[in-house]
């Protein structure tokens, strides 16, 4: 057997081994698909955004505009919670 025939035979068996490995790795992925589909959509509750200023302030106004757009983009409600006082420490 010359070098060319040996290389050809070796590469053929190698590619068959690789394709066999790929198909065996795909089996667990296909088995997990029904489980992934059955999970609930995240987030399952409204998203809560805490603003460290009083209602009507410029931070509150900008936050409401941003959260309205975020709610529209996500397709999920966003609730704003104003926690004024204590130099913003309450919002942390």
Protein backbone atom coordinates (compact mmCIF):
# COMPACT_ATOMS: atom_id res chain seq x y z
CA UNK A 1 0.00 0.00 0.00
CA UNK A 2 1.55 3.27 -1.03
CA UNK A 3 1.28 6.54 0.89
CA UNK A 4 -1.58 7.95 -1.21
CA UNK A 5 -3.82 4.93 -0.64
CA UNK A 6 -3.07 4.91 3.09
CA UNK A 7 -3.89 8.63 3.40
CA UNK A 8 -7.11 8.22 1.45
CA UNK A 9 -8.24 5.27 3.57
CA UNK A 10 -7.32 7.05 6.81
CA UNK A 11 -9.16 10.28 5.88
CA UNK A 12 -12.31 8.34 4.87
CA UNK A 13 -12.48 6.50 8.17
CA UNK A 14 -11.75 9.74 10.04
CA UNK A 15 -14.61 11.63 8.38
CA UNK A 16 -17.01 8.78 9.14
CA UNK A 17 -15.92 8.89 12.78
CA UNK A 18 -16.47 12.67 12.96
CA UNK A 19 -19.94 12.45 11.43
CA UNK A 20 -20.83 9.65 13.86
CA UNK A 21 -19.72 11.84 16.78
CA UNK A 22 -21.75 14.79 15.53
CA UNK A 23 -24.89 12.69 15.20
CA UNK A 24 -24.40 11.27 18.70
CA UNK A 25 -23.98 14.79 20.12
CA UNK A 26 -27.20 15.92 18.42
CA UNK A 27 -29.33 13.28 20.18
CA UNK A 28 -29.32 15.00 23.63
CA UNK A 29 -30.03 18.36 22.00
CA UNK A 30 -33.10 16.99 20.22
CA UNK A 31 -34.24 15.30 23.42
CA UNK A 32 -34.05 18.61 25.34
CA UNK A 33 -36.15 20.63 22.87
CA UNK A 34 -39.60 19.79 24.34
CA UNK A 35 -38.35 20.72 27.81
CA UNK A 36 -37.06 24.09 26.64
CA UNK A 37 -40.30 24.88 24.89
CA UNK A 38 -42.38 24.03 27.97
CA UNK A 39 -40.71 26.64 30.18
CA UNK A 40 -42.59 29.81 31.09
CA UNK A 41 -41.77 33.08 29.42
CA UNK A 42 -39.41 35.27 31.41
CA UNK A 43 -40.26 37.60 33.12
CA UNK A 44 -43.43 36.13 34.58
CA UNK A 45 -44.20 39.30 36.61
CA UNK A 46 -44.08 42.99 35.70
CA UNK A 47 -40.56 44.43 35.68
CA UNK A 48 -40.02 46.88 38.54
CA UNK A 49 -37.86 49.96 37.99
CA UNK A 50 -36.93 51.95 41.10
CA UNK A 51 -36.28 55.69 40.64
CA UNK A 52 -34.46 57.45 43.50
CA UNK A 53 -36.31 60.76 43.08
CA UNK A 54 -39.76 62.13 43.78
CA UNK A 55 -42.54 61.92 41.17
CA UNK A 56 -42.53 64.79 38.70
CA UNK A 57 -38.77 65.37 38.79
CA UNK A 58 -36.70 65.38 35.63
CA UNK A 59 -35.26 61.95 36.47
CA UNK A 60 -38.82 60.60 36.89
CA UNK A 61 -39.98 62.13 33.60
CA UNK A 62 -37.04 60.69 31.65
CA UNK A 63 -37.41 57.34 33.43
CA UNK A 64 -41.09 57.13 32.48
CA UNK A 65 -40.30 57.86 28.83
CA UNK A 66 -37.53 55.25 28.74
CA UNK A 67 -39.58 52.62 30.58
CA UNK A 68 -42.59 53.15 28.30
CA UNK A 69 -40.38 52.44 25.29
CA UNK A 70 -38.81 49.48 27.09
CA UNK A 71 -42.25 48.08 27.89
CA UNK A 72 -43.32 48.40 24.26
CA UNK A 73 -40.08 46.77 23.06
CA UNK A 74 -40.28 43.87 25.55
CA UNK A 75 -44.03 43.37 25.23
CA UNK A 76 -44.22 43.16 29.01
CA UNK A 77 -45.39 45.74 31.59
CA UNK A 78 -42.81 47.85 33.41
CA UNK A 79 -43.78 49.38 36.78
CA UNK A 80 -42.01 52.51 38.07
CA UNK A 81 -41.47 52.85 41.81
CA UNK A 82 -40.39 56.26 43.13
CA UNK A 83 -38.37 56.05 46.35
CA UNK A 84 -37.43 59.58 47.27
CA UNK A 85 -35.49 60.46 50.40
CA UNK A 86 -32.31 59.55 52.25
CA UNK A 87 -30.17 60.94 49.39
CA UNK A 88 -31.22 58.08 47.07
CA UNK A 89 -30.06 55.34 49.44
CA UNK A 90 -33.60 53.91 49.66
CA UNK A 91 -33.49 53.07 45.96
CA UNK A 92 -30.42 50.86 46.28
